[in-house]
Amino acid sequence: MIEGDTVKHTNRSIELKPSPAGSRPKRRPEWIRIKKPSEEMVATLRRMMRSKALHTVCEEARCPNMGECWGSGTATFLMMGDTCTRACRFCDVKTGRPKPLDWLEPERVARAVQAMDLRHAVITSVNRDERKDGGAPIFAMVIQRIRELQPGCSVEVLIPDFKGSREALSIVMDAHPEVLNHNVETVPRLFSTVQPQSRYAWSEVTLRNAKDLDPEALTKSGIMVGLGETMDEVKETISDLRSWGVQILTIGQYLQPTRHHIPIDRYYRMEEFEELEKYAYDLGFEWVESNPLVRSSYHAAEQVRTLSKRHAEIS
């Protein structure tokens, strides 16, 4: 399936229609309860982010854990603007033609990390497919600057697939993040419908190459459930991720942001999340978060403290 950076995509798609006008997402079951954000903490962090012309994925993607994470003074930084070149049908980040890269943004993010006195920083970005390098140098710059301004702070980068480019990925890996995260998001059968501009094979080469380029970096990926996949398909995808060398796995329930997004097929029960967690651990994953409200950055600091040899050496 892999030969250099050449990848093929042959996944069969199915039709998933947006909710009819005026309809609402299915009522959430009793085991899904989103905590209300601490208004004072959210307001404080929002002012700081805006003062430095920064964005957070917490806000842009309407993360259900924003209350918990922001309430404890942590956030995931969204770099390269707030406009994505892809139109994934599950995501609430806006799509369009982005502005040119801001080469001073890594400095502002690092200053914000320093001001918040973070011990673990999570950095992600929109897709920048108009660039051959996908904006990879921005990731490298912010990793390096955080290390300079906030020694001992571990860094996790949640990156796009860079269309499978090993060259772009190597720019990020040469900066040696503690964690390289890239989410597959869904099972292969649903890729061309859920995220039509992405390819399962691009995710594969990204995660395989990350481990090859920097064996000491922890690799991580995540899956959403409730989009119409079967349990067997989820398990097959989990098995794929483990075979690609992924060590940390997150599994969470898809929550429809608006009626314009792909509707929820069903809500998974807690026992199903527990079944998937056990299945992943049995395959050899070193850390698994499997819960309806789990998202990529959930308990990210604890993962690094427990698993990262690199962090142990620099802290």
C-alpha atoms as a PDB file:
ATOM      1  CA  MET A   1       0.000   0.000   0.000  1.00  0.00           C
ATOM      2  CA  ILE A   2       2.951   2.315   0.635  1.00  0.00           C
ATOM      3  CA  GLU A   3       5.762   3.047  -1.778  1.00  0.00           C
ATOM      4  CA  GLY A   4       7.671   6.177  -0.868  1.00  0.00           C
ATOM      5  CA  ASP A   5       5.130   8.961  -0.525  1.00  0.00           C
ATOM      6  CA  THR A   6       2.750   7.611  -3.155  1.00  0.00           C
ATOM      7  CA  VAL A   7      -0.630   6.637  -1.803  1.00  0.00           C
ATOM      8  CA  LYS A   8      -3.871   5.359  -3.281  1.00  0.00           C
ATOM      9  CA  HIS A   9      -7.421   5.815  -2.054  1.00  0.00           C
ATOM     10  CA  THR A  10     -10.025   3.225  -2.984  1.00  0.00           C
ATOM     11  CA  ASN A  11     -12.490   3.504  -0.088  1.00  0.00           C
ATOM     12  CA  ARG A  12     -16.148   3.012  -0.968  1.00  0.00           C
ATOM     13  CA  SER A  13     -18.303   5.935   0.190  1.00  0.00           C
ATOM     14  CA  ILE A  14     -21.866   6.028   1.403  1.00  0.00           C
ATOM     15  CA  GLU A  15     -24.294   8.902   1.269  1.00  0.00           C
ATOM     16  CA  LEU A  16     -24.839  10.761   4.522  1.00  0.00           C
ATOM     17  CA  LYS A  17     -27.303  13.626   4.252  1.00  0.00           C
ATOM     18  CA  PRO A  18     -27.362  16.720   6.494  1.00  0.00           C
ATOM     19  CA  SER A  19     -30.272  17.049   8.873  1.00  0.00           C
ATOM     20  CA  PRO A  20     -33.398  18.540   7.249  1.00  0.00           C
ATOM     21  CA  ALA A  21     -33.916  22.281   7.673  1.00  0.00           C
ATOM     22  CA  GLY A  22     -35.306  23.100  11.086  1.00  0.00           C
ATOM     23  CA  SER A  23     -34.398  19.726  12.593  1.00  0.00           C
ATOM     24  CA  ARG A  24     -32.162  19.329  15.627  1.00  0.00           C
ATOM     25  CA  PRO A  25     -29.492  16.754  16.486  1.00  0.00           C
ATOM     26  CA  LYS A  26     -30.773  13.728  18.369  1.00  0.00           C
ATOM     27  CA  ARG A  27     -31.348  14.238  22.081  1.00  0.00           C
ATOM     28  CA  ARG A  28     -28.223  13.366  24.022  1.00  0.00           C
ATOM     29  CA  PRO A  29     -28.480  10.392  26.367  1.00  0.00           C
ATOM     30  CA  GLU A  30     -28.158  10.843  30.102  1.00  0.00           C
ATOM     31  CA  TRP A  31     -24.522   9.680  30.188  1.00  0.00           C
ATOM     32  CA  ILE A  32     -23.389  12.659  28.065  1.00  0.00           C
ATOM     33  CA  ARG A  33     -23.331  15.793  30.192  1.00  0.00           C
ATOM     34  CA  ILE A  34     -21.214  18.748  29.117  1.00  0.00           C
ATOM     35  CA  LYS A  35     -19.836  20.861  31.947  1.00  0.00           C
ATOM     36  CA  LYS A  36     -20.556  24.577  31.746  1.00  0.00           C
ATOM     37  CA  PRO A  37     -17.312  26.566  31.380  1.00  0.00           C
ATOM     38  CA  SER A  38     -16.074  28.693  34.248  1.00  0.00           C
ATOM     39  CA  GLU A  39     -17.135  32.094  32.943  1.00  0.00           C
ATOM     40  CA  GLU A  40     -14.402  34.001  34.769  1.00  0.00           C
ATOM     41  CA  MET A  41     -11.588  31.693  33.617  1.00  0.00           C
ATOM     42  CA  VAL A  42     -12.907  31.545  30.047  1.00  0.00           C
ATOM     43  CA  ALA A  43     -13.185  35.337  29.886  1.00  0.00           C
ATOM     44  CA  THR A  44      -9.638  35.751  31.190  1.00  0.00           C
ATOM     45  CA  LEU A  45      -8.116  33.304  28.738  1.00  0.00           C
ATOM     46  CA  ARG A  46     -10.175  34.641  25.850  1.00  0.00           C
ATOM     47  CA  ARG A  47      -8.912  38.180  26.505  1.00  0.00           C
ATOM     48  CA  MET A  48      -5.335  36.947  26.559  1.00  0.00           C
ATOM     49  CA  MET A  49      -5.749  34.986  23.331  1.00  0.00           C
ATOM     50  CA  ARG A  50      -7.360  37.906  21.519  1.00  0.00           C
ATOM     51  CA  SER A  51      -4.729  40.345  22.815  1.00  0.00           C
ATOM     52  CA  LYS A  52      -2.086  38.200  21.118  1.00  0.00           C
ATOM     53  CA  ALA A  53      -4.220  37.623  17.988  1.00  0.00           C
ATOM     54  CA  LEU A  54      -4.373  33.898  18.725  1.00  0.00           C
ATOM     55  CA  HIS A  55      -7.063  31.259  18.263  1.00  0.00           C
ATOM     56  CA  THR A  56      -7.930  28.116  20.202  1.00  0.00           C
ATOM     57  CA  VAL A  57      -9.398  24.945  18.778  1.00  0.00           C
ATOM     58  CA  CYS A  58     -11.451  24.805  21.973  1.00  0.00           C
ATOM     59  CA  GLU A  59     -13.556  27.694  20.670  1.00  0.00           C
ATOM     60  CA  GLU A  60     -13.389  27.108  16.915  1.00  0.00           C
ATOM     61  CA  ALA A  61     -14.400  23.432  17.136  1.00  0.00           C
ATOM     62  CA  ARG A  62     -16.795  23.876  20.080  1.00  0.00           C
ATOM     63  CA  CYS A  63     -14.991  21.257  22.153  1.00  0.00           C
ATOM     64  CA  PRO A  64     -17.251  19.729  24.836  1.00  0.00           C
ATOM     65  CA  ASN A  65     -14.364  19.742  27.319  1.00  0.00           C
ATOM     66  CA  MET A  66     -13.737  23.488  27.109  1.00  0.00           C
ATOM     67  CA  GLY A  67     -15.244  24.010  30.559  1.00  0.00           C
ATOM     68  CA  GLU A  68     -13.012  21.420  32.202  1.00  0.00           C
ATOM     69  CA  CYS A  69      -9.815  22.347  30.368  1.00  0.00           C
ATOM     70  CA  TRP A  70     -10.188  26.127  30.432  1.00  0.00           C
ATOM     71  CA  GLY A  71     -11.327  25.921  34.021  1.00  0.00           C
ATOM     72  CA  SER A  72      -7.947  24.413  34.893  1.00  0.00           C
ATOM     73  CA  GLY A  73      -6.093  27.060  32.842  1.00  0.00           C
ATOM     74  CA  THR A  74      -5.169  24.956  29.798  1.00  0.00           C
ATOM     75  CA  ALA A  75      -6.045  25.314  26.122  1.00  0.00           C
ATOM     76  CA  THR A  76      -5.102  23.922  22.704  1.00  0.00           C
ATOM     77  CA  PHE A  77      -3.677  26.554  20.353  1.00  0.00           C
ATOM     78  CA  LEU A  78      -4.989  26.696  16.787  1.00  0.00           C
ATOM     79  CA  MET A  79      -2.330  28.054  14.449  1.00  0.00           C
ATOM     80  CA  MET A  80      -2.183  29.301  10.860  1.00  0.00           C
ATOM     81  CA  GLY A  81      -5.444  31.204  11.137  1.00  0.00           C
ATOM     82  CA  ASP A  82      -9.060  30.214  11.693  1.00  0.00           C
ATOM     83  CA  THR A  83      -9.901  29.291   8.085  1.00  0.00           C
ATOM     84  CA  CYS A  84      -9.307  25.757   6.765  1.00  0.00           C
ATOM     85  CA  THR A  85      -8.760  24.730   3.146  1.00  0.00           C
ATOM     86  CA  ARG A  86     -10.760  21.519   3.676  1.00  0.00           C
ATOM     87  CA  ALA A  87     -14.480  21.111   4.259  1.00  0.00           C
ATOM     88  CA  CYS A  88     -14.790  18.138   6.599  1.00  0.00           C
ATOM     89  CA  ARG A  89     -18.462  17.534   7.280  1.00  0.00           C
ATOM     90  CA  PHE A  90     -18.074  16.956  11.020  1.00  0.00           C
ATOM     91  CA  CYS A  91     -16.038  20.070  11.832  1.00  0.00           C
ATOM     92  CA  ASP A  92     -17.246  23.551  12.780  1.00  0.00           C
ATOM     93  CA  VAL A  93     -14.031  25.346  11.804  1.00  0.00           C
ATOM     94  CA  LYS A  94     -14.853  27.580   8.815  1.00  0.00           C
ATOM     95  CA  THR A  95     -13.698  26.730   5.309  1.00  0.00           C
ATOM     96  CA  GLY A  96     -12.351  29.140   2.725  1.00  0.00           C
ATOM     97  CA  ARG A  97      -9.266  30.803   1.324  1.00  0.00           C
ATOM     98  CA  PRO A  98      -6.930  31.473   4.273  1.00  0.00           C
ATOM     99  CA  LYS A  99      -4.766  34.513   4.724  1.00  0.00           C
ATOM    100  CA  PRO A 100      -0.992  34.251   4.196  1.00  0.00           C
ATOM    101  CA  LEU A 101       0.914  32.590   7.025  1.00  0.00           C
ATOM    102  CA  ASP A 102       1.854  34.862   9.908  1.00  0.00           C
ATOM    103  CA  TRP A 103       5.515  34.095  10.647  1.00  0.00           C
ATOM    104  CA  LEU A 104       5.315  35.965  13.948  1.00  0.00           C
ATOM    105  CA  GLU A 105       2.538  33.696  15.242  1.00  0.00           C
ATOM    106  CA  PRO A 106       4.913  31.085  16.766  1.00  0.00           C
ATOM    107  CA  GLU A 107       6.449  33.823  18.918  1.00  0.00           C
ATOM    108  CA  ARG A 108       3.025  34.931  20.175  1.00  0.00           C
ATOM    109  CA  VAL A 109       1.973  31.365  20.957  1.00  0.00           C
ATOM    110  CA  ALA A 110       5.197  30.720  22.857  1.00  0.00           C
ATOM    111  CA  ARG A 111       4.703  33.956  24.810  1.00  0.00           C
ATOM    112  CA  ALA A 112       1.175  32.846  25.696  1.00  0.00           C
ATOM    113  CA  VAL A 113       2.488  29.457  26.877  1.00  0.00           C
ATOM    114  CA  GLN A 114       4.996  31.309  29.043  1.00  0.00           C
ATOM    115  CA  ALA A 115       2.358  33.688  30.405  1.00  0.00           C
ATOM    116  CA  MET A 116       0.100  30.763  31.331  1.00  0.00           C
ATOM    117  CA  ASP A 117       3.093  28.922  32.850  1.00  0.00           C
ATOM    118  CA  LEU A 118       2.104  25.743  31.024  1.00  0.00           C
ATOM    119  CA  ARG A 119       3.929  22.488  31.622  1.00  0.00           C
ATOM    120  CA  HIS A 120       2.388  20.904  28.527  1.00  0.00           C
ATOM    121  CA  ALA A 121       1.331  22.729  25.371  1.00  0.00           C
ATOM    122  CA  VAL A 122      -0.883  21.298  22.623  1.00  0.00           C
ATOM    123  CA  ILE A 123      -0.503  22.903  19.200  1.00  0.00           C
ATOM    124  CA  THR A 124      -2.760  22.211  16.243  1.00  0.00           C
ATOM    125  CA  SER A 125      -3.679  23.954  13.009  1.00  0.00           C
ATOM    126  CA  VAL A 126      -6.123  24.218  10.166  1.00  0.00           C
ATOM    127  CA  ASN A 127      -5.199  22.521   6.890  1.00  0.00           C
ATOM    128  CA  ARG A 128      -3.154  24.727   4.575  1.00  0.00           C
ATOM    129  CA  ASP A 129      -3.332  22.732   1.347  1.00  0.00           C
ATOM    130  CA  GLU A 130      -2.462  25.793  -0.750  1.00  0.00           C
ATOM    131  CA  ARG A 131       1.129  25.325   0.450  1.00  0.00           C
ATOM    132  CA  LYS A 132       3.323  22.394  -0.598  1.00  0.00           C
ATOM    133  CA  ASP A 133       4.700  22.131   2.944  1.00  0.00           C
ATOM    134  CA  GLY A 134       1.248  22.442   4.523  1.00  0.00           C
ATOM    135  CA  GLY A 135       2.606  25.042   6.933  1.00  0.00           C
ATOM    136  CA  ALA A 136       4.972  22.543   8.584  1.00  0.00           C
ATOM    137  CA  PRO A 137       7.642  25.204   9.316  1.00  0.00           C
ATOM    138  CA  ILE A 138       5.178  26.989  11.627  1.00  0.00           C
ATOM    139  CA  PHE A 139       4.947  23.856  13.794  1.00  0.00           C
ATOM    140  CA  ALA A 140       8.739  23.564  13.947  1.00  0.00           C
ATOM    141  CA  MET A 141       9.138  27.232  14.858  1.00  0.00           C
ATOM    142  CA  VAL A 142       6.631  27.143  17.711  1.00  0.00           C
ATOM    143  CA  ILE A 143       8.139  23.949  19.185  1.00  0.00           C
ATOM    144  CA  GLN A 144      11.590  25.514  19.199  1.00  0.00           C
ATOM    145  CA  ARG A 145      10.404  28.816  20.666  1.00  0.00           C
ATOM    146  CA  ILE A 146       8.383  27.173  23.440  1.00  0.00           C
ATOM    147  CA  ARG A 147      11.491  25.216  24.429  1.00  0.00           C
ATOM    148  CA  GLU A 148      13.439  28.480  24.646  1.00  0.00           C
ATOM    149  CA  LEU A 149      10.872  30.505  26.583  1.00  0.00           C
ATOM    150  CA  GLN A 150       9.353  27.778  28.768  1.00  0.00           C
ATOM    151  CA  PRO A 151      12.031  25.158  29.542  1.00  0.00           C
ATOM    152  CA  GLY A 152      10.577  21.889  30.742  1.00  0.00           C
ATOM    153  CA  CYS A 153       7.261  22.423  28.957  1.00  0.00           C
ATOM    154  CA  SER A 154       6.427  19.388  26.842  1.00  0.00           C
ATOM    155  CA  VAL A 155       4.901  19.920  23.408  1.00  0.00           C
ATOM    156  CA  GLU A 156       2.261  17.901  21.568  1.00  0.00           C
ATOM    157  CA  VAL A 157       1.486  18.738  17.966  1.00  0.00           C
ATOM    158  CA  LEU A 158      -1.794  17.670  16.370  1.00  0.00           C
ATOM    159  CA  ILE A 159      -0.966  17.926  12.694  1.00  0.00           C
ATOM    160  CA  PRO A 160      -2.779  17.642   9.346  1.00  0.00           C
ATOM    161  CA  ASP A 161      -1.810  14.791   7.017  1.00  0.00           C
ATOM    162  CA  PHE A 162       0.269  17.084   4.738  1.00  0.00           C
ATOM    163  CA  LYS A 163      -1.181  14.927   1.914  1.00  0.00           C
ATOM    164  CA  GLY A 164       1.208  12.166   2.938  1.00  0.00           C
ATOM    165  CA  SER A 165       4.343  14.245   2.346  1.00  0.00           C
ATOM    166  CA  ARG A 166       7.334  12.807   4.192  1.00  0.00           C
ATOM    167  CA  GLU A 167       9.310  15.958   3.413  1.00  0.00           C
ATOM    168  CA  ALA A 168       6.793  18.222   5.163  1.00  0.00           C
ATOM    169  CA  LEU A 169       6.480  15.830   8.103  1.00  0.00           C
ATOM    170  CA  SER A 170      10.254  15.704   8.544  1.00  0.00           C
ATOM    171  CA  ILE A 171      10.289  19.474   9.142  1.00  0.00           C
ATOM    172  CA  VAL A 172       8.035  18.922  12.173  1.00  0.00           C
ATOM    173  CA  MET A 173       9.800  15.801  13.436  1.00  0.00           C
ATOM    174  CA  ASP A 174      13.220  17.484  13.231  1.00  0.00           C
ATOM    175  CA  ALA A 175      11.994  19.819  15.997  1.00  0.00           C
ATOM    176  CA  HIS A 176      11.366  16.740  18.193  1.00  0.00           C
ATOM    177  CA  PRO A 177       7.928  17.204  19.755  1.00  0.00           C
ATOM    178  CA  GLU A 178       7.200  14.869  22.649  1.00  0.00           C
ATOM    179  CA  VAL A 179       3.953  13.779  20.976  1.00  0.00           C
ATOM    180  CA  LEU A 180       3.043  13.634  17.290  1.00  0.00           C
ATOM    181  CA  ASN A 181      -0.736  13.411  17.005  1.00  0.00           C
ATOM    182  CA  HIS A 182      -2.720  12.930  13.824  1.00  0.00           C
ATOM    183  CA  ASN A 183      -6.352  11.853  13.948  1.00  0.00           C
ATOM    184  CA  VAL A 184      -7.807   9.417  11.423  1.00  0.00           C
ATOM    185  CA  GLU A 185     -11.239  10.599  12.673  1.00  0.00           C
ATOM    186  CA  THR A 186     -13.308   7.793  11.133  1.00  0.00           C
ATOM    187  CA  VAL A 187     -13.184   4.353   9.506  1.00  0.00           C
ATOM    188  CA  PRO A 188     -11.927   3.901   5.911  1.00  0.00           C
ATOM    189  CA  ARG A 189     -15.397   3.285   4.429  1.00  0.00           C
ATOM    190  CA  LEU A 190     -16.643   6.694   5.565  1.00  0.00           C
ATOM    191  CA  PHE A 191     -13.563   8.760   4.719  1.00  0.00           C
ATOM    192  CA  SER A 192     -14.685  10.086   1.350  1.00  0.00           C
ATOM    193  CA  THR A 193     -18.011  11.232   2.796  1.00  0.00           C
ATOM    194  CA  VAL A 194     -17.018  12.461   6.246  1.00  0.00           C
ATOM    195  CA  GLN A 195     -13.774  14.154   5.169  1.00  0.00           C
ATOM    196  CA  PRO A 196     -13.817  14.097   1.356  1.00  0.00           C
ATOM    197  CA  GLN A 197     -10.533  15.956   0.839  1.00  0.00           C
ATOM    198  CA  SER A 198      -8.604  13.584   3.091  1.00  0.00           C
ATOM    199  CA  ARG A 199      -7.311  10.065   2.453  1.00  0.00           C
ATOM    200  CA  TYR A 200      -6.949   7.144   4.856  1.00  0.00           C
ATOM    201  CA  ALA A 201      -3.654   6.270   3.188  1.00  0.00           C
ATOM    202  CA  TRP A 202      -2.323   9.790   3.833  1.00  0.00           C
ATOM    203  CA  SER A 203      -3.027   9.268   7.529  1.00  0.00           C
ATOM    204  CA  GLU A 204      -1.234   5.931   7.384  1.00  0.00           C
ATOM    205  CA  VAL A 205       1.976   7.283   5.876  1.00  0.00           C
ATOM    206  CA  THR A 206       1.911  10.263   8.263  1.00  0.00           C
ATOM    207  CA  LEU A 207       1.786   8.073  11.363  1.00  0.00           C
ATOM    208  CA  ARG A 208       4.191   5.433  10.043  1.00  0.00           C
ATOM    209  CA  ASN A 209       6.706   8.034   8.875  1.00  0.00           C
ATOM    210  CA  ALA A 210       6.509   9.969  12.154  1.00  0.00           C
ATOM    211  CA  LYS A 211       7.734   6.942  14.079  1.00  0.00           C
ATOM    212  CA  ASP A 212      10.396   6.250  11.470  1.00  0.00           C
ATOM    213  CA  LEU A 213      11.680   9.839  11.479  1.00  0.00           C
ATOM    214  CA  ASP A 214      11.771  10.161  15.277  1.00  0.00           C
ATOM    215  CA  PRO A 215      11.492   6.849  17.168  1.00  0.00           C
ATOM    216  CA  GLU A 216      11.535   8.635  20.554  1.00  0.00           C
ATOM    217  CA  ALA A 217       8.413  10.676  19.809  1.00  0.00           C
ATOM    218  CA  LEU A 218       5.125   9.282  21.073  1.00  0.00           C
ATOM    219  CA  THR A 219       2.587   8.815  18.287  1.00  0.00           C
ATOM    220  CA  LYS A 220      -1.118   9.334  18.866  1.00  0.00           C
ATOM    221  CA  SER A 221      -4.374   9.215  16.930  1.00  0.00           C
ATOM    222  CA  GLY A 222      -8.107   9.499  17.506  1.00  0.00           C
ATOM    223  CA  ILE A 223     -11.425   8.207  16.200  1.00  0.00           C
ATOM    224  CA  MET A 224     -14.971   9.578  16.413  1.00  0.00           C
ATOM    225  CA  VAL A 225     -17.829   7.096  16.675  1.00  0.00           C
ATOM    226  CA  GLY A 226     -21.487   7.520  15.835  1.00  0.00           C
ATOM    227  CA  LEU A 227     -21.164   8.417  12.145  1.00  0.00           C
ATOM    228  CA  GLY A 228     -22.576   5.172  10.773  1.00  0.00           C
ATOM    229  CA  GLU A 229     -19.625   2.827  11.211  1.00  0.00           C
ATOM    230  CA  THR A 230     -19.924  -0.656  12.706  1.00  0.00           C
ATOM    231  CA  MET A 231     -18.119  -1.893  15.809  1.00  0.00           C
ATOM    232  CA  ASP A 232     -16.137  -4.277  13.624  1.00  0.00           C
ATOM    233  CA  GLU A 233     -15.003  -1.373  11.448  1.00  0.00           C
ATOM    234  CA  VAL A 234     -13.912   0.608  14.505  1.00  0.00           C
ATOM    235  CA  LYS A 235     -11.914  -2.359  15.761  1.00  0.00           C
ATOM    236  CA  GLU A 236     -10.311  -2.859  12.359  1.00  0.00           C
ATOM    237  CA  THR A 237      -9.259   0.810  12.331  1.00  0.00           C
ATOM    238  CA  ILE A 238      -7.881   0.529  15.862  1.00  0.00           C
ATOM    239  CA  SER A 239      -5.914  -2.528  14.734  1.00  0.00           C
ATOM    240  CA  ASP A 240      -4.562  -0.571  11.750  1.00  0.00           C
ATOM    241  CA  LEU A 241      -3.403   2.253  14.018  1.00  0.00           C
ATOM    242  CA  ARG A 242      -1.543  -0.151  16.284  1.00  0.00           C
ATOM    243  CA  SER A 243       0.136  -1.784  13.269  1.00  0.00           C
ATOM    244  CA  TRP A 244       1.320   1.686  12.206  1.00  0.00           C
ATOM    245  CA  GLY A 245       3.113   2.100  15.545  1.00  0.00           C
ATOM    246  CA  VAL A 246       0.576   4.375  17.263  1.00  0.00           C
ATOM    247  CA  GLN A 247       0.941   4.287  21.062  1.00  0.00           C
ATOM    248  CA  ILE A 248      -1.839   6.575  22.328  1.00  0.00           C
ATOM    249  CA  LEU A 249      -5.468   6.329  21.225  1.00  0.00           C
ATOM    250  CA  THR A 250      -8.492   8.553  21.852  1.00  0.00           C
ATOM    251  CA  ILE A 251     -12.063   7.449  21.114  1.00  0.00           C
ATOM    252  CA  GLY A 252     -14.995   9.847  21.509  1.00  0.00           C
ATOM    253  CA  GLN A 253     -18.614  10.296  20.483  1.00  0.00           C
ATOM    254  CA  TYR A 254     -19.319  12.465  17.441  1.00  0.00           C
ATOM    255  CA  LEU A 255     -21.528  15.402  18.419  1.00  0.00           C
ATOM    256  CA  GLN A 256     -23.210  17.248  15.538  1.00  0.00           C
ATOM    257  CA  PRO A 257     -22.172  20.938  15.784  1.00  0.00           C
ATOM    258  CA  THR A 258     -25.118  22.306  13.746  1.00  0.00           C
ATOM    259  CA  ARG A 259     -27.914  20.970  11.537  1.00  0.00           C
ATOM    260  CA  HIS A 260     -25.687  21.675   8.523  1.00  0.00           C
ATOM    261  CA  HIS A 261     -23.201  19.015   9.600  1.00  0.00           C
ATOM    262  CA  ILE A 262     -23.425  15.246   9.232  1.00  0.00           C
ATOM    263  CA  PRO A 263     -26.156  13.941  11.518  1.00  0.00           C
ATOM    264  CA  ILE A 264     -25.422  11.586  14.383  1.00  0.00           C
ATOM    265  CA  ASP A 265     -26.185   8.006  13.369  1.00  0.00           C
ATOM    266  CA  ARG A 266     -26.337   6.819  16.979  1.00  0.00           C
ATOM    267  CA  TYR A 267     -24.920   7.364  20.451  1.00  0.00           C
ATOM    268  CA  TYR A 268     -22.580   4.667  21.690  1.00  0.00           C
ATOM    269  CA  ARG A 269     -23.288   3.230  25.129  1.00  0.00           C
ATOM    270  CA  MET A 270     -20.733   3.436  27.922  1.00  0.00           C
ATOM    271  CA  GLU A 271     -20.186  -0.322  27.823  1.00  0.00           C
ATOM    272  CA  GLU A 272     -19.253  -0.032  24.145  1.00  0.00           C
ATOM    273  CA  PHE A 273     -16.603   2.572  24.938  1.00  0.00           C
ATOM    274  CA  GLU A 274     -15.301   0.232  27.640  1.00  0.00           C
ATOM    275  CA  GLU A 275     -15.247  -2.649  25.145  1.00  0.00           C
ATOM    276  CA  LEU A 276     -13.212  -0.587  22.677  1.00  0.00           C
ATOM    277  CA  GLU A 277     -10.818   0.513  25.411  1.00  0.00           C
ATOM    278  CA  LYS A 278     -10.150  -3.091  26.430  1.00  0.00           C
ATOM    279  CA  TYR A 279      -9.744  -4.125  22.802  1.00  0.00           C
ATOM    280  CA  ALA A 280      -7.138  -1.402  22.227  1.00  0.00           C
ATOM    281  CA  TYR A 281      -5.167  -2.236  25.361  1.00  0.00           C
ATOM    282  CA  ASP A 282      -5.183  -5.915  24.371  1.00  0.00           C
ATOM    283  CA  LEU A 283      -3.585  -4.892  21.053  1.00  0.00           C
ATOM    284  CA  GLY A 284      -0.747  -3.186  22.913  1.00  0.00           C
ATOM    285  CA  PHE A 285      -1.649   0.516  23.050  1.00  0.00           C
ATOM    286  CA  GLU A 286       0.154   2.217  25.936  1.00  0.00           C
ATOM    287  CA  TRP A 287      -2.622   4.719  26.743  1.00  0.00           C
ATOM    288  CA  VAL A 288      -6.294   4.704  25.751  1.00  0.00           C
ATOM    289  CA  GLU A 289      -8.954   7.323  26.432  1.00  0.00           C
ATOM    290  CA  SER A 290     -12.384   5.971  25.467  1.00  0.00           C
ATOM    291  CA  ASN A 291     -15.395   7.956  26.612  1.00  0.00           C
ATOM    292  CA  PRO A 292     -18.200   9.941  24.929  1.00  0.00           C
ATOM    293  CA  LEU A 293     -16.640  13.354  25.622  1.00  0.00           C
ATOM    294  CA  VAL A 294     -13.018  12.390  24.947  1.00  0.00           C
ATOM    295  CA  ARG A 295     -11.239  14.617  22.436  1.00  0.00           C
ATOM    296  CA  SER A 296      -7.625  14.717  21.233  1.00  0.00           C
ATOM    297  CA  SER A 297      -6.194  16.823  24.043  1.00  0.00           C
ATOM    298  CA  TYR A 298      -8.030  15.122  26.896  1.00  0.00           C
ATOM    299  CA  HIS A 299      -5.560  14.169  29.665  1.00  0.00           C
ATOM    300  CA  ALA A 300      -2.718  14.964  27.254  1.00  0.00           C
ATOM    301  CA  ALA A 301      -0.373  16.186  29.996  1.00  0.00           C
ATOM    302  CA  GLU A 302      -0.797  12.978  31.996  1.00  0.00           C
ATOM    303  CA  GLN A 303       0.053  10.916  28.920  1.00  0.00           C
ATOM    304  CA  VAL A 304       3.340  12.724  28.423  1.00  0.00           C
ATOM    305  CA  ARG A 305       4.291  12.569  32.110  1.00  0.00           C
ATOM    306  CA  THR A 306       3.714   8.819  32.136  1.00  0.00           C
ATOM    307  CA  LEU A 307       5.063   7.708  28.766  1.00  0.00           C
ATOM    308  CA  SER A 308       7.589  10.179  27.344  1.00  0.00           C
ATOM    309  CA  LYS A 309      11.252   9.296  27.812  1.00  0.00           C
ATOM    310  CA  ARG A 310      12.179  12.558  26.085  1.00  0.00           C
ATOM    311  CA  HIS A 311      10.242  14.625  28.601  1.00  0.00           C
ATOM    312  CA  ALA A 312      11.824  12.749  31.497  1.00  0.00           C
ATOM    313  CA  GLU A 313      15.242  13.690  30.126  1.00  0.00           C
ATOM    314  CA  ILE A 314      14.529  17.430  29.754  1.00  0.00           C
ATOM    315  CA  SER A 315      12.418  18.018  32.857  1.00  0.00           C
END
